[in-house]
Structure formats: C-alpha cells, structure tokens
Amino acid sequence: MQTNRRNFLLAGSAMMATTAATTIGASGQSLAGENRQSNHQVNVSWLGGATMLIDFNGYRILTDPAFGEGEKAYFMGDPNTMFDLAKGPTSRYHARTTPFPGLDISSVDLMMISHMHEDHFDQHAEKTLPKSLLTIVPPADRQKLATKGFENQIALDWGKSKTINTPNGQIMLTALPAHHSANPQINKILGKGNGYWIRFSAGDWRKDIYWTGDTLPTDQVMSTLKLLGKPDILIPHMGAVGTTGPLGQISMGADQVLFMAKTLDNPNILPIHHSTYPLYLEPISRLVEKVDFASTRLDLLAEGSTIMYG
C-alpha cells in the first residue's frame, strides 16, 4: 500500500482565501488579556478543535491552529466515509459548527503542532499566521510546514526534549509517541505525529501537562507515560474519529480517555478535539456520563473559555 502518509487526509491544492490580520475571528475579539500574568500559573484557553492558547506567566503557546468557520472551514479527506485504502479518501470541505472565538496573533510566542492533518493546521491558519513564528513540529511534518513558508522550526522526535527559558520561568517540551490507530499499517498510512509532555516550572513551582495529540492508548504510548509519572493535567484528543470508515478509530473515545486517566493516577482531565466539527463522531456527553466524579476531576470548557491552574 503506497500512499503518501501525511497527505492521506490532507487537501491537495485547494486553499481558502482569508485576509491576514492581527486579530482573527468575526467578532474581532481577542482571548489574550491586556496584562500578562506575573504569578506562577498556567492558563489554558480552548479555541475549539485541538487549538489552545496556553499562557504561562505571560509566555503564550498556540497549539494546532485551525481558524476556519462555517460550512467551508477547512478542506481535507473524510476518514468517516468509506473509501479505498489504497487510494485514500476524496477531499472535501468540512464544516465548523461553532464560531472561532478569536485570537490576538501578536501575543503568541510559540506554536506547537501535533501533526498536520488539516483539522489541526487549516488553510486559514496557513494564510494568517506569521511565517517567522517559532514552531515545534514532528520531524515527519517539517518539510510540509517549510513548503508553506514556516521555516523557524524545531523538529522534536519521540523522546527528544527542548527547554525554553521564559522571562518568568522555564518550559520543557518532550515529544511522546502518538498512534492514530492500534493497527500499525493504519499508523503508517496516517503518518507519525506527536503527543507532548509540557513541564512548566519557576523556582520550586511546577506544573506538568500531558497533551496527547491524536493517539490511542497503545502499549507503547502507555509504557512511555508510566516512565514519566503522573501529570497534573491530561489534555486528550477525543471524538472517536474514523469509526464509520475503513481506517477504524483514529482518536480516543470516552472509555479510552478514562483508561488513560486511571493508568496515570487520575490527573485533571481537560478534553479537547470534540464538538467543534461534525468530523468528531462521539459527543462529549459520553465522557460526562462515564466519569466517576468521586475520583476524577473533569474540567469541561466551552469554546473561548479559560481555566487557570495555579
């Protein structure tokens, strides 16, 4: 099966027209506050899909940028429909069911990409983001990102780390295995993406976030996590994507997230990658129904909302 692994779900040449601007979003509102935080805390704003703005004492990280709205939010193959695996799915426009909350691009210091399927890096983001933005990227996507003009990259392979000194602390980023599927052949088709362990520290203060990327809790993923210990916050990609197509499930559902959380000694769960697009098949209500609130804290954000971890 000789399919271009990263382009399997990506659009070919279709681009959406958008005007570059400092502030994105129909409302023109920015989620970035006027005053940067001076105390030690991590603020996570969920902007829909896998897009977050993470603020650590004023240093801001943007994840998996997807800014498109409406019926033609982004252009990509559809993993939820039946197709010939040897040829790949037919690319089409995908809808976004919610408005993009808005983002002050000038406030972003670093971009992190789990992988470049276009529900994670869409055409609007490509057109709008400054090409000079420092970006953490999986090695498999380095060339793809460079062809779009983003050359200020740090490629992190599994097990590799990068430490960033900020004005008010330090951030250590470690790339972790992310398996779209439990089937190795499907993983080869879809390409090698990253999860990330993000350690924020300032003096004796520390906060650990595990951002899963698009992964299932495979043996390799879980054995790697056990070596790292318990994160304070688990940020899983959900939606049970692909369950109606030939790829099978390629993002976690509620049962898998709860299994992962239990194995990690029940950190706070902050679910993303749900509800924003019809692409995501499993409703977030499934997780709410299954959580044992006696042992597990579920931090369920509305799009455009922010939670503070001190």
C-alpha atoms as a PDB file:
ATOM      1  CA  MET A   1       0.000   0.000   0.000  1.00  0.00           C
ATOM      2  CA  GLN A   2       1.930   3.030  -1.255  1.00  0.00           C
ATOM      3  CA  THR A   3       0.057   6.064   0.000  1.00  0.00           C
ATOM      4  CA  ASN A   4       1.719   9.369   0.846  1.00  0.00           C
ATOM      5  CA  ARG A   5       1.389   9.064   4.593  1.00  0.00           C
ATOM      6  CA  ARG A   6       0.961  12.682   5.691  1.00  0.00           C
ATOM      7  CA  ASN A   7      -1.008  13.695   2.595  1.00  0.00           C
ATOM      8  CA  PHE A   8      -3.501  10.869   3.060  1.00  0.00           C
ATOM      9  CA  LEU A   9      -6.064  13.152   4.684  1.00  0.00           C
ATOM     10  CA  LEU A  10      -4.638  16.492   3.607  1.00  0.00           C
ATOM     11  CA  ALA A  11      -6.046  18.632   0.852  1.00  0.00           C
ATOM     12  CA  GLY A  12      -4.040  18.775  -2.341  1.00  0.00           C
ATOM     13  CA  SER A  13      -4.012  22.295  -3.733  1.00  0.00           C
ATOM     14  CA  ALA A  14      -7.275  23.833  -2.563  1.00  0.00           C
ATOM     15  CA  MET A  15      -6.784  26.967  -0.485  1.00  0.00           C
ATOM     16  CA  MET A  16      -9.261  29.202   1.253  1.00  0.00           C
ATOM     17  CA  ALA A  17      -8.910  32.917   0.845  1.00  0.00           C
ATOM     18  CA  THR A  18      -8.516  34.842   4.067  1.00  0.00           C
ATOM     19  CA  THR A  19      -7.099  38.205   4.949  1.00  0.00           C
ATOM     20  CA  ALA A  20      -4.114  38.277   7.246  1.00  0.00           C
ATOM     21  CA  ALA A  21      -4.803  40.338  10.346  1.00  0.00           C
ATOM     22  CA  THR A  22      -3.580  40.628  13.888  1.00  0.00           C
ATOM     23  CA  THR A  23      -6.938  39.575  15.281  1.00  0.00           C
ATOM     24  CA  ILE A  24      -8.792  36.616  13.779  1.00  0.00           C
ATOM     25  CA  GLY A  25     -12.466  35.910  14.157  1.00  0.00           C
ATOM     26  CA  ALA A  26     -15.677  37.511  13.057  1.00  0.00           C
ATOM     27  CA  SER A  27     -16.178  39.215  16.407  1.00  0.00           C
ATOM     28  CA  GLY A  28     -12.716  40.790  16.334  1.00  0.00           C
ATOM     29  CA  GLN A  29     -12.314  39.888  19.989  1.00  0.00           C
ATOM     30  CA  SER A  30      -9.074  38.558  21.418  1.00  0.00           C
ATOM     31  CA  LEU A  31      -8.807  35.948  24.129  1.00  0.00           C
ATOM     32  CA  ALA A  32      -5.435  37.309  25.151  1.00  0.00           C
ATOM     33  CA  GLY A  33      -5.695  39.636  28.143  1.00  0.00           C
ATOM     34  CA  GLU A  34      -4.218  43.096  28.164  1.00  0.00           C
ATOM     35  CA  ASN A  35      -1.954  42.367  31.148  1.00  0.00           C
ATOM     36  CA  ARG A  36       0.324  39.375  31.256  1.00  0.00           C
ATOM     37  CA  GLN A  37       0.206  37.236  34.387  1.00  0.00           C
ATOM     38  CA  SER A  38       3.022  37.740  36.880  1.00  0.00           C
ATOM     39  CA  ASN A  39       2.180  34.953  39.373  1.00  0.00           C
ATOM     40  CA  HIS A  40       3.010  31.325  38.698  1.00  0.00           C
ATOM     41  CA  GLN A  41       0.109  29.720  36.898  1.00  0.00           C
ATOM     42  CA  VAL A  42      -0.818  28.105  33.622  1.00  0.00           C
ATOM     43  CA  ASN A  43      -3.948  29.411  31.890  1.00  0.00           C
ATOM     44  CA  VAL A  44      -5.453  27.234  29.154  1.00  0.00           C
ATOM     45  CA  SER A  45      -7.924  28.765  26.699  1.00  0.00           C
ATOM     46  CA  TRP A  46      -9.723  26.330  24.406  1.00  0.00           C
ATOM     47  CA  LEU A  47     -10.380  27.801  20.959  1.00  0.00           C
ATOM     48  CA  GLY A  48     -12.129  24.729  19.511  1.00  0.00           C
ATOM     49  CA  GLY A  49     -10.856  21.516  17.937  1.00  0.00           C
ATOM     50  CA  ALA A  50      -7.260  20.927  19.023  1.00  0.00           C
ATOM     51  CA  THR A  51      -6.490  24.660  19.163  1.00  0.00           C
ATOM     52  CA  MET A  52      -5.467  26.070  22.539  1.00  0.00           C
ATOM     53  CA  LEU A  53      -3.748  29.173  23.815  1.00  0.00           C
ATOM     54  CA  ILE A  54      -1.620  28.217  26.825  1.00  0.00           C
ATOM     55  CA  ASP A  55      -0.320  31.127  28.901  1.00  0.00           C
ATOM     56  CA  PHE A  56       2.484  30.507  31.407  1.00  0.00           C
ATOM     57  CA  ASN A  57       3.320  33.676  33.336  1.00  0.00           C
ATOM     58  CA  GLY A  58       2.844  35.683  30.145  1.00  0.00           C
ATOM     59  CA  TYR A  59       4.573  33.318  27.697  1.00  0.00           C
ATOM     60  CA  ARG A  60       1.955  32.126  25.213  1.00  0.00           C
ATOM     61  CA  ILE A  61       1.819  28.872  23.267  1.00  0.00           C
ATOM     62  CA  LEU A  62      -0.610  28.239  20.396  1.00  0.00           C
ATOM     63  CA  THR A  63      -1.430  24.600  19.585  1.00  0.00           C
ATOM     64  CA  ASP A  64      -2.690  23.014  16.353  1.00  0.00           C
ATOM     65  CA  PRO A  65      -4.092  26.200  14.791  1.00  0.00           C
ATOM     66  CA  ALA A  66      -7.420  25.874  12.965  1.00  0.00           C
ATOM     67  CA  PHE A  67      -9.271  29.163  12.426  1.00  0.00           C
ATOM     68  CA  GLY A  68     -11.772  28.422   9.638  1.00  0.00           C
ATOM     69  CA  GLU A  69     -15.505  28.874  10.186  1.00  0.00           C
ATOM     70  CA  GLY A  70     -18.820  27.960   8.584  1.00  0.00           C
ATOM     71  CA  GLU A  71     -19.617  25.262   6.051  1.00  0.00           C
ATOM     72  CA  LYS A  72     -16.180  25.511   4.411  1.00  0.00           C
ATOM     73  CA  ALA A  73     -13.970  25.709   7.473  1.00  0.00           C
ATOM     74  CA  TYR A  74     -11.194  23.524   6.022  1.00  0.00           C
ATOM     75  CA  PHE A  75     -10.512  21.155   3.128  1.00  0.00           C
ATOM     76  CA  MET A  76      -9.427  17.574   3.860  1.00  0.00           C
ATOM     77  CA  GLY A  77     -10.232  13.933   3.204  1.00  0.00           C
ATOM     78  CA  ASP A  78     -13.055  12.435   5.236  1.00  0.00           C
ATOM     79  CA  PRO A  79     -11.952   9.491   7.419  1.00  0.00           C
ATOM     80  CA  ASN A  80     -15.555   8.820   8.464  1.00  0.00           C
ATOM     81  CA  THR A  81     -16.739   7.761   4.978  1.00  0.00           C
ATOM     82  CA  MET A  82     -15.982   4.526   3.146  1.00  0.00           C
ATOM     83  CA  PHE A  83     -13.184   4.626   0.561  1.00  0.00           C
ATOM     84  CA  ASP A  84     -10.438   2.528  -0.981  1.00  0.00           C
ATOM     85  CA  LEU A  85      -7.493   2.483   1.428  1.00  0.00           C
ATOM     86  CA  ALA A  86      -5.070   2.161  -1.477  1.00  0.00           C
ATOM     87  CA  LYS A  87      -6.311   5.446  -2.968  1.00  0.00           C
ATOM     88  CA  GLY A  88      -7.285   7.460   0.073  1.00  0.00           C
ATOM     89  CA  PRO A  89     -10.452   9.435   0.735  1.00  0.00           C
ATOM     90  CA  THR A  90     -11.876  12.115  -1.523  1.00  0.00           C
ATOM     91  CA  SER A  91     -11.015  15.555  -0.195  1.00  0.00           C
ATOM     92  CA  ARG A  92     -13.910  17.896   0.531  1.00  0.00           C
ATOM     93  CA  TYR A  93     -14.811  20.922   2.597  1.00  0.00           C
ATOM     94  CA  HIS A  94     -15.627  20.286   6.250  1.00  0.00           C
ATOM     95  CA  ALA A  95     -17.921  22.422   8.390  1.00  0.00           C
ATOM     96  CA  ARG A  96     -17.300  24.036  11.744  1.00  0.00           C
ATOM     97  CA  THR A  97     -20.427  24.140  13.892  1.00  0.00           C
ATOM     98  CA  THR A  98     -19.244  26.955  16.205  1.00  0.00           C
ATOM     99  CA  PRO A  99     -17.729  30.388  15.591  1.00  0.00           C
ATOM    100  CA  PHE A 100     -13.996  30.781  16.103  1.00  0.00           C
ATOM    101  CA  PRO A 101     -13.575  32.651  19.422  1.00  0.00           C
ATOM    102  CA  GLY A 102     -10.790  34.921  18.188  1.00  0.00           C
ATOM    103  CA  LEU A 103      -7.064  35.220  18.871  1.00  0.00           C
ATOM    104  CA  ASP A 104      -4.550  38.037  19.116  1.00  0.00           C
ATOM    105  CA  ILE A 105      -1.786  36.556  16.982  1.00  0.00           C
ATOM    106  CA  SER A 106       0.721  39.176  18.084  1.00  0.00           C
ATOM    107  CA  SER A 107       0.569  37.740  21.624  1.00  0.00           C
ATOM    108  CA  VAL A 108       1.780  34.267  20.560  1.00  0.00           C
ATOM    109  CA  ASP A 109       5.396  33.354  21.369  1.00  0.00           C
ATOM    110  CA  LEU A 110       5.471  29.721  20.235  1.00  0.00           C
ATOM    111  CA  MET A 111       3.378  27.364  18.116  1.00  0.00           C
ATOM    112  CA  MET A 112       3.224  23.620  18.769  1.00  0.00           C
ATOM    113  CA  ILE A 113       1.920  21.144  16.205  1.00  0.00           C
ATOM    114  CA  SER A 114       0.912  17.569  16.988  1.00  0.00           C
ATOM    115  CA  HIS A 115       0.544  16.737  13.279  1.00  0.00           C
ATOM    116  CA  MET A 116      -0.616  18.482  10.137  1.00  0.00           C
ATOM    117  CA  HIS A 117      -3.927  16.936   9.182  1.00  0.00           C
ATOM    118  CA  GLU A 118      -5.974  19.947   8.267  1.00  0.00           C
ATOM    119  CA  ASP A 119      -8.351  19.873  11.194  1.00  0.00           C
ATOM    120  CA  HIS A 120      -5.139  20.641  13.137  1.00  0.00           C
ATOM    121  CA  PHE A 121      -3.493  23.131  10.758  1.00  0.00           C
ATOM    122  CA  ASP A 122      -6.077  24.545   8.394  1.00  0.00           C
ATOM    123  CA  GLN A 123      -5.877  26.789   5.346  1.00  0.00           C
ATOM    124  CA  HIS A 124      -6.915  29.878   7.304  1.00  0.00           C
ATOM    125  CA  ALA A 125      -4.097  29.382   9.792  1.00  0.00           C
ATOM    126  CA  GLU A 126      -1.609  28.845   6.966  1.00  0.00           C
ATOM    127  CA  LYS A 127      -2.606  32.128   5.349  1.00  0.00           C
ATOM    128  CA  THR A 128      -2.832  34.169   8.524  1.00  0.00           C
ATOM    129  CA  LEU A 129      -0.049  33.164  10.894  1.00  0.00           C
ATOM    130  CA  PRO A 130       3.320  34.944  10.616  1.00  0.00           C
ATOM    131  CA  LYS A 131       5.798  32.718   8.824  1.00  0.00           C
ATOM    132  CA  SER A 132       8.510  33.668  11.332  1.00  0.00           C
ATOM    133  CA  LEU A 133       6.628  32.163  14.296  1.00  0.00           C
ATOM    134  CA  LEU A 134       8.812  29.698  16.238  1.00  0.00           C
ATOM    135  CA  THR A 135       7.216  26.272  15.858  1.00  0.00           C
ATOM    136  CA  ILE A 136       7.651  22.856  17.472  1.00  0.00           C
ATOM    137  CA  VAL A 137       6.821  20.225  14.861  1.00  0.00           C
ATOM    138  CA  PRO A 138       7.089  16.439  14.366  1.00  0.00           C
ATOM    139  CA  PRO A 139      10.005  15.577  12.051  1.00  0.00           C
ATOM    140  CA  ALA A 140       7.622  13.950   9.548  1.00  0.00           C
ATOM    141  CA  ASP A 141       5.913  17.316   9.042  1.00  0.00           C
ATOM    142  CA  ARG A 142       8.979  19.529   8.923  1.00  0.00           C
ATOM    143  CA  GLN A 143       9.247  19.674   5.136  1.00  0.00           C
ATOM    144  CA  LYS A 144       5.491  20.057   4.690  1.00  0.00           C
ATOM    145  CA  LEU A 145       5.489  23.057   7.006  1.00  0.00           C
ATOM    146  CA  ALA A 146       8.562  24.547   5.318  1.00  0.00           C
ATOM    147  CA  THR A 147       6.873  24.429   1.910  1.00  0.00           C
ATOM    148  CA  LYS A 148       4.169  26.644   3.398  1.00  0.00           C
ATOM    149  CA  GLY A 149       6.840  29.182   4.337  1.00  0.00           C
ATOM    150  CA  PHE A 150       7.204  28.322   8.048  1.00  0.00           C
ATOM    151  CA  GLU A 151      10.938  27.749   8.404  1.00  0.00           C
ATOM    152  CA  ASN A 152      11.557  28.832  12.013  1.00  0.00           C
ATOM    153  CA  GLN A 153      11.124  25.271  13.237  1.00  0.00           C
ATOM    154  CA  ILE A 154      12.339  22.954  15.954  1.00  0.00           C
ATOM    155  CA  ALA A 155      11.660  19.340  14.974  1.00  0.00           C
ATOM    156  CA  LEU A 156      11.170  17.084  18.003  1.00  0.00           C
ATOM    157  CA  ASP A 157      11.153  13.321  17.536  1.00  0.00           C
ATOM    158  CA  TRP A 158       9.766  10.933  20.148  1.00  0.00           C
ATOM    159  CA  GLY A 159      11.807  11.054  23.345  1.00  0.00           C
ATOM    160  CA  LYS A 160      13.531  14.334  22.471  1.00  0.00           C
ATOM    161  CA  SER A 161      13.126  17.467  24.576  1.00  0.00           C
ATOM    162  CA  LYS A 162      13.512  21.204  24.173  1.00  0.00           C
ATOM    163  CA  THR A 163      13.826  23.635  27.076  1.00  0.00           C
ATOM    164  CA  ILE A 164      12.663  27.217  26.670  1.00  0.00           C
ATOM    165  CA  ASN A 165      13.669  29.864  29.186  1.00  0.00           C
ATOM    166  CA  THR A 166      10.946  32.464  29.616  1.00  0.00           C
ATOM    167  CA  PRO A 167      11.115  35.804  31.452  1.00  0.00           C
ATOM    168  CA  ASN A 168       9.337  34.219  34.445  1.00  0.00           C
ATOM    169  CA  GLY A 169      10.261  30.551  34.378  1.00  0.00           C
ATOM    170  CA  GLN A 170      11.138  27.593  32.204  1.00  0.00           C
ATOM    171  CA  ILE A 171       9.222  25.274  29.881  1.00  0.00           C
ATOM    172  CA  MET A 172      10.496  21.801  28.980  1.00  0.00           C
ATOM    173  CA  LEU A 173       8.771  20.208  25.974  1.00  0.00           C
ATOM    174  CA  THR A 174       9.155  16.471  25.404  1.00  0.00           C
ATOM    175  CA  ALA A 175       7.776  14.753  22.304  1.00  0.00           C
ATOM    176  CA  LEU A 176       5.962  11.493  23.005  1.00  0.00           C
ATOM    177  CA  PRO A 177       4.611   8.689  20.817  1.00  0.00           C
ATOM    178  CA  ALA A 178       1.184   9.285  19.315  1.00  0.00           C
ATOM    179  CA  HIS A 179      -0.544   6.436  17.490  1.00  0.00           C
ATOM    180  CA  HIS A 180      -3.590   7.362  15.457  1.00  0.00           C
ATOM    181  CA  SER A 181      -4.534   3.694  15.376  1.00  0.00           C
ATOM    182  CA  ALA A 182      -3.928   0.432  17.174  1.00  0.00           C
ATOM    183  CA  ASN A 183      -3.227  -1.006  13.702  1.00  0.00           C
ATOM    184  CA  PRO A 184       0.439  -0.438  12.677  1.00  0.00           C
ATOM    185  CA  GLN A 185      -0.474  -0.399   8.986  1.00  0.00           C
ATOM    186  CA  ILE A 186      -3.006   2.373   9.522  1.00  0.00           C
ATOM    187  CA  ASN A 187      -0.402   4.313  11.501  1.00  0.00           C
ATOM    188  CA  LYS A 188       1.963   4.110   8.540  1.00  0.00           C
ATOM    189  CA  ILE A 189      -0.736   5.474   6.258  1.00  0.00           C
ATOM    190  CA  LEU A 190      -1.612   8.391   8.532  1.00  0.00           C
ATOM    191  CA  GLY A 191       1.926   9.334   9.480  1.00  0.00           C
ATOM    192  CA  LYS A 192       3.942   9.865  12.630  1.00  0.00           C
ATOM    193  CA  GLY A 193       2.609  12.605  14.880  1.00  0.00           C
ATOM    194  CA  ASN A 194       3.480  13.724  18.398  1.00  0.00           C
ATOM    195  CA  GLY A 195       1.998  13.956  21.836  1.00  0.00           C
ATOM    196  CA  TYR A 196       3.788  16.284  24.241  1.00  0.00           C
ATOM    197  CA  TRP A 197       4.696  16.334  27.923  1.00  0.00           C
ATOM    198  CA  ILE A 198       4.929  20.012  28.844  1.00  0.00           C
ATOM    199  CA  ARG A 199       6.613  20.887  32.139  1.00  0.00           C
ATOM    200  CA  PHE A 200       6.221  24.457  33.370  1.00  0.00           C
ATOM    201  CA  SER A 201       8.487  25.471  36.254  1.00  0.00           C
ATOM    202  CA  ALA A 202       9.516  28.540  38.209  1.00  0.00           C
ATOM    203  CA  GLY A 203      11.739  28.006  41.239  1.00  0.00           C
ATOM    204  CA  ASP A 204      10.137  25.234  43.304  1.00  0.00           C
ATOM    205  CA  TRP A 205       6.800  25.583  41.489  1.00  0.00           C
ATOM    206  CA  ARG A 206       5.977  23.034  38.771  1.00  0.00           C
ATOM    207  CA  LYS A 207       3.020  22.024  36.627  1.00  0.00           C
ATOM    208  CA  ASP A 208       3.009  19.082  34.188  1.00  0.00           C
ATOM    209  CA  ILE A 209       0.611  18.812  31.254  1.00  0.00           C
ATOM    210  CA  TYR A 210       0.289  15.778  29.012  1.00  0.00           C
ATOM    211  CA  TRP A 211      -1.230  16.857  25.669  1.00  0.00           C
ATOM    212  CA  THR A 212      -1.952  13.596  23.878  1.00  0.00           C
ATOM    213  CA  GLY A 213      -2.218  14.641  20.239  1.00  0.00           C
ATOM    214  CA  ASP A 214      -4.246  12.236  18.096  1.00  0.00           C
ATOM    215  CA  THR A 215      -3.487   8.931  19.751  1.00  0.00           C
ATOM    216  CA  LEU A 216      -4.996   5.807  21.191  1.00  0.00           C
ATOM    217  CA  PRO A 217      -3.628   4.345  24.472  1.00  0.00           C
ATOM    218  CA  THR A 218      -1.453   1.720  22.786  1.00  0.00           C
ATOM    219  CA  ASP A 219       1.084  -0.316  24.737  1.00  0.00           C
ATOM    220  CA  GLN A 220       3.963   1.884  23.553  1.00  0.00           C
ATOM    221  CA  VAL A 221       2.168   5.084  24.471  1.00  0.00           C
ATOM    222  CA  MET A 222       1.205   3.833  27.924  1.00  0.00           C
ATOM    223  CA  SER A 223       4.607   2.324  28.737  1.00  0.00           C
ATOM    224  CA  THR A 224       6.258   5.628  27.805  1.00  0.00           C
ATOM    225  CA  LEU A 225       3.868   7.550  30.033  1.00  0.00           C
ATOM    226  CA  LYS A 226       4.478   5.284  33.023  1.00  0.00           C
ATOM    227  CA  LEU A 227       8.143   6.301  32.949  1.00  0.00           C
ATOM    228  CA  LEU A 228       7.175   9.962  33.285  1.00  0.00           C
ATOM    229  CA  GLY A 229       4.862   9.669  36.271  1.00  0.00           C
ATOM    230  CA  LYS A 230       1.600  11.495  36.895  1.00  0.00           C
ATOM    231  CA  PRO A 231       0.792  14.692  35.011  1.00  0.00           C
ATOM    232  CA  ASP A 232      -1.231  17.388  36.733  1.00  0.00           C
ATOM    233  CA  ILE A 233      -3.442  17.824  33.677  1.00  0.00           C
ATOM    234  CA  LEU A 234      -4.349  15.353  30.943  1.00  0.00           C
ATOM    235  CA  ILE A 235      -5.478  17.041  27.709  1.00  0.00           C
ATOM    236  CA  PRO A 236      -6.841  14.287  25.428  1.00  0.00           C
ATOM    237  CA  HIS A 237      -7.951  14.489  21.811  1.00  0.00           C
ATOM    238  CA  MET A 238     -11.382  12.898  21.665  1.00  0.00           C
ATOM    239  CA  GLY A 239     -14.237  12.461  19.164  1.00  0.00           C
ATOM    240  CA  ALA A 240     -13.751   8.785  18.203  1.00  0.00           C
ATOM    241  CA  VAL A 241     -12.979   9.848  14.632  1.00  0.00           C
ATOM    242  CA  GLY A 242     -12.941   7.207  11.888  1.00  0.00           C
ATOM    243  CA  THR A 243     -15.213   4.609  13.458  1.00  0.00           C
ATOM    244  CA  THR A 244     -17.545   4.658  10.432  1.00  0.00           C
ATOM    245  CA  GLY A 245     -14.759   4.451   7.840  1.00  0.00           C
ATOM    246  CA  PRO A 246     -12.156   1.898   6.686  1.00  0.00           C
ATOM    247  CA  LEU A 247      -9.379   3.355   8.873  1.00  0.00           C
ATOM    248  CA  GLY A 248     -11.236   2.430  12.041  1.00  0.00           C
ATOM    249  CA  GLN A 249     -11.000   4.581  15.150  1.00  0.00           C
ATOM    250  CA  ILE A 250      -8.234   7.186  14.951  1.00  0.00           C
ATOM    251  CA  SER A 251      -8.904   9.348  18.022  1.00  0.00           C
ATOM    252  CA  MET A 252      -9.932   8.468  21.545  1.00  0.00           C
ATOM    253  CA  GLY A 253     -13.426   7.982  22.891  1.00  0.00           C
ATOM    254  CA  ALA A 254     -14.582   8.262  26.489  1.00  0.00           C
ATOM    255  CA  ASP A 255     -13.609   4.727  27.530  1.00  0.00           C
ATOM    256  CA  GLN A 256     -10.050   5.150  26.269  1.00  0.00           C
ATOM    257  CA  VAL A 257      -9.615   8.537  27.932  1.00  0.00           C
ATOM    258  CA  LEU A 258     -10.808   7.151  31.262  1.00  0.00           C
ATOM    259  CA  PHE A 259      -8.486   4.156  30.918  1.00  0.00           C
ATOM    260  CA  MET A 260      -5.584   6.510  30.259  1.00  0.00           C
ATOM    261  CA  ALA A 261      -6.547   8.749  33.186  1.00  0.00           C
ATOM    262  CA  LYS A 262      -6.806   5.807  35.583  1.00  0.00           C
ATOM    263  CA  THR A 263      -3.404   4.497  34.484  1.00  0.00           C
ATOM    264  CA  LEU A 264      -1.944   7.968  35.100  1.00  0.00           C
ATOM    265  CA  ASP A 265      -3.390   8.075  38.642  1.00  0.00           C
ATOM    266  CA  ASN A 266      -6.339  10.304  37.760  1.00  0.00           C
ATOM    267  CA  PRO A 267      -4.993  13.733  36.821  1.00  0.00           C
ATOM    268  CA  ASN A 268      -7.396  16.542  35.939  1.00  0.00           C
ATOM    269  CA  ILE A 269      -8.934  15.789  32.535  1.00  0.00           C
ATOM    270  CA  LEU A 270      -9.305  18.741  30.167  1.00  0.00           C
ATOM    271  CA  PRO A 271     -10.828  17.251  26.988  1.00  0.00           C
ATOM    272  CA  ILE A 272     -10.426  18.942  23.596  1.00  0.00           C
ATOM    273  CA  HIS A 273     -10.855  17.787  19.963  1.00  0.00           C
ATOM    274  CA  HIS A 274     -14.612  17.306  20.375  1.00  0.00           C
ATOM    275  CA  SER A 275     -17.862  19.078  19.415  1.00  0.00           C
ATOM    276  CA  THR A 276     -16.310  21.752  17.133  1.00  0.00           C
ATOM    277  CA  TYR A 277     -16.599  19.783  13.877  1.00  0.00           C
ATOM    278  CA  PRO A 278     -19.053  17.128  12.650  1.00  0.00           C
ATOM    279  CA  LEU A 279     -15.840  15.186  11.947  1.00  0.00           C
ATOM    280  CA  TYR A 280     -15.862  14.322  15.663  1.00  0.00           C
ATOM    281  CA  LEU A 281     -18.369  11.497  15.998  1.00  0.00           C
ATOM    282  CA  GLU A 282     -18.633  10.815  19.733  1.00  0.00           C
ATOM    283  CA  PRO A 283     -20.385  13.544  21.765  1.00  0.00           C
ATOM    284  CA  ILE A 284     -18.595  14.855  24.839  1.00  0.00           C
ATOM    285  CA  SER A 285     -21.673  13.899  26.853  1.00  0.00           C
ATOM    286  CA  ARG A 286     -20.435  10.303  26.661  1.00  0.00           C
ATOM    287  CA  LEU A 287     -17.421  11.225  28.776  1.00  0.00           C
ATOM    288  CA  VAL A 288     -19.560  13.169  31.245  1.00  0.00           C
ATOM    289  CA  GLU A 289     -21.849  10.148  31.645  1.00  0.00           C
ATOM    290  CA  LYS A 290     -18.972   7.782  32.339  1.00  0.00           C
ATOM    291  CA  VAL A 291     -16.758   9.838  34.651  1.00  0.00           C
ATOM    292  CA  ASP A 292     -16.628   8.810  38.289  1.00  0.00           C
ATOM    293  CA  PHE A 293     -16.565  12.267  39.826  1.00  0.00           C
ATOM    294  CA  ALA A 294     -15.586  10.842  43.199  1.00  0.00           C
ATOM    295  CA  SER A 295     -12.109  10.058  41.866  1.00  0.00           C
ATOM    296  CA  THR A 296     -11.768  12.140  38.717  1.00  0.00           C
ATOM    297  CA  ARG A 297     -11.882  15.890  38.081  1.00  0.00           C
ATOM    298  CA  LEU A 298     -13.265  16.783  34.659  1.00  0.00           C
ATOM    299  CA  ASP A 299     -12.508  20.338  33.523  1.00  0.00           C
ATOM    300  CA  LEU A 300     -15.013  20.795  30.705  1.00  0.00           C
ATOM    301  CA  LEU A 301     -14.552  24.113  28.893  1.00  0.00           C
ATOM    302  CA  ALA A 302     -16.815  25.908  26.470  1.00  0.00           C
ATOM    303  CA  GLU A 303     -15.014  27.171  23.368  1.00  0.00           C
ATOM    304  CA  GLY A 304     -13.492  30.543  24.112  1.00  0.00           C
ATOM    305  CA  SER A 305     -13.248  29.854  27.854  1.00  0.00           C
ATOM    306  CA  THR A 306     -10.123  29.810  30.010  1.00  0.00           C
ATOM    307  CA  ILE A 307      -9.178  27.710  33.024  1.00  0.00           C
ATOM    308  CA  MET A 308      -6.376  28.652  35.418  1.00  0.00           C
ATOM    309  CA  TYR A 309      -4.058  26.104  37.005  1.00  0.00           C
ATOM    310  CA  GLY A 310      -2.019  27.555  39.871  1.00  0.00           C
END
